[in-house]
Amino acid sequence: MIIALVTYKMPPKLPLADVERRCAESAQRFRQLPGLVRKNYLYDPATGTGGGSYLWETRAAAEAYYDAAWFERMTAMLGNTPTVQYFESPLQVDNAAGSITTG
């Protein structure tokens, strides 16, 4: 499994209710995304850093999603270019499901 950590700049000190609304508006896009296992939305109000932590089945699935068109669309929408970092995820602990999975 692969974790992609995506970060970008948002307005600093944006009220959490506004961030939650923005997240809710985009959430359905990720429901049936091929290869995506889980997405967690991220926001640091002190720095205005937003983003997501994505658990992907494979790096190929992640890279297929974060293509040139995605970067262009996100840059136009945000006014800045997001960064994407990839990490191997050799083990996942899921307390809600009561499982430990290798990947």
Protein backbone atom coordinates (compact mmCIF):
# COMPACT_ATOMS: atom_id res chain seq x y z
CA MET A 1 0.00 0.00 0.00
CA ILE A 2 1.03 3.58 -0.63
CA ILE A 3 0.24 6.73 1.32
CA ALA A 4 0.17 9.95 -0.67
CA LEU A 5 0.44 13.07 1.45
CA VAL A 6 -0.97 16.04 -0.46
CA THR A 7 -0.54 19.56 0.91
CA TYR A 8 -1.38 23.05 -0.34
CA LYS A 9 -1.96 26.55 0.99
CA MET A 10 -5.39 27.71 2.10
CA PRO A 11 -6.32 31.01 3.71
CA PRO A 12 -4.88 31.07 7.25
CA LYS A 13 -7.29 31.02 10.17
CA LEU A 14 -10.16 29.87 7.98
CA PRO A 15 -13.02 28.89 10.31
CA LEU A 16 -13.23 25.14 10.79
CA ALA A 17 -16.89 25.20 9.73
CA ASP A 18 -15.81 26.56 6.32
CA VAL A 19 -13.16 23.86 5.99
CA GLU A 20 -15.68 21.16 6.94
CA ARG A 21 -18.13 22.47 4.33
CA ARG A 22 -15.45 22.45 1.62
CA CYS A 23 -14.45 18.90 2.55
CA ALA A 24 -18.06 17.70 2.53
CA GLU A 25 -18.61 19.25 -0.91
CA SER A 26 -15.73 17.23 -2.40
CA ALA A 27 -16.10 13.96 -0.48
CA GLN A 28 -18.39 12.13 -2.93
CA ARG A 29 -15.73 12.40 -5.67
CA PHE A 30 -13.59 9.93 -3.73
CA ARG A 31 -16.23 7.26 -3.03
CA GLN A 32 -15.56 5.08 -6.08
CA LEU A 33 -12.07 6.22 -7.06
CA PRO A 34 -10.15 3.22 -8.47
CA GLY A 35 -7.38 2.09 -6.13
CA LEU A 36 -8.22 4.49 -3.29
CA VAL A 37 -8.69 2.75 0.06
CA ARG A 38 -9.13 5.78 2.33
CA LYS A 39 -8.81 9.55 2.40
CA ASN A 40 -8.37 11.76 5.45
CA TYR A 41 -8.76 15.51 5.02
CA LEU A 42 -6.14 17.73 6.69
CA TYR A 43 -6.10 21.37 7.80
CA ASP A 44 -3.76 23.38 10.00
CA PRO A 45 -5.46 26.72 10.79
CA ALA A 46 -2.26 28.25 12.15
CA THR A 47 -0.42 27.94 8.83
CA GLY A 48 -3.31 27.65 6.39
CA THR A 49 -2.02 24.28 5.20
CA GLY A 50 -4.68 22.01 3.79
CA GLY A 51 -4.54 18.67 2.08
CA GLY A 52 -5.17 15.01 2.49
CA SER A 53 -3.65 11.72 3.47
CA TYR A 54 -4.63 9.08 0.92
CA LEU A 55 -4.13 5.33 1.28
CA TRP A 56 -3.81 3.75 -2.17
CA GLU A 57 -3.65 0.09 -3.18
CA THR A 58 -0.63 0.81 -5.42
CA ARG A 59 1.65 3.67 -6.34
CA ALA A 60 0.51 3.29 -9.96
CA ALA A 61 -3.09 4.01 -8.90
CA ALA A 62 -1.97 7.10 -6.99
CA GLU A 63 0.19 8.40 -9.82
CA ALA A 64 -2.64 7.83 -12.30
CA TYR A 65 -4.82 10.13 -10.18
CA TYR A 66 -2.20 12.85 -9.59
CA ASP A 67 -1.54 13.44 -13.28
CA ALA A 68 -0.72 16.69 -15.08
CA ALA A 69 -4.42 17.53 -15.50
CA TRP A 70 -4.97 17.10 -11.73
CA PHE A 71 -2.07 19.49 -10.97
CA GLU A 72 -3.43 22.04 -13.46
CA ARG A 73 -6.97 21.82 -12.05
CA MET A 74 -5.82 22.05 -8.42
CA THR A 75 -3.42 24.94 -9.13
CA ALA A 76 -6.18 26.88 -10.88
CA MET A 77 -8.62 26.21 -8.04
CA LEU A 78 -6.22 26.94 -5.17
CA GLY A 79 -4.01 29.63 -6.64
CA ASN A 80 -0.93 27.58 -5.69
CA THR A 81 0.54 24.24 -6.71
CA PRO A 82 0.01 21.33 -4.33
CA THR A 83 2.79 18.99 -3.31
CA VAL A 84 2.45 15.22 -3.33
CA GLN A 85 4.75 12.96 -1.31
CA TYR A 86 4.61 9.16 -1.54
CA PHE A 87 5.32 6.75 1.32
CA GLU A 88 5.31 2.97 1.47
CA SER A 89 2.80 1.75 4.06
CA PRO A 90 3.98 -1.73 5.05
CA LEU A 91 1.40 -2.14 7.82
CA GLN A 92 -1.95 -0.56 8.71
CA VAL A 93 -3.64 -0.70 12.11
CA ASP A 94 -7.41 -0.16 11.88
CA ASN A 95 -8.90 0.04 15.37
CA ALA A 96 -12.44 0.63 14.04
CA ALA A 97 -12.33 -2.60 12.03
CA GLY A 98 -10.25 -4.40 14.65
CA SER A 99 -7.60 -5.35 12.11
CA ILE A 100 -3.92 -5.18 11.33
CA THR A 101 -3.17 -5.44 7.62
CA THR A 102 0.10 -5.80 5.79
CA GLY A 103 0.36 -4.03 2.54
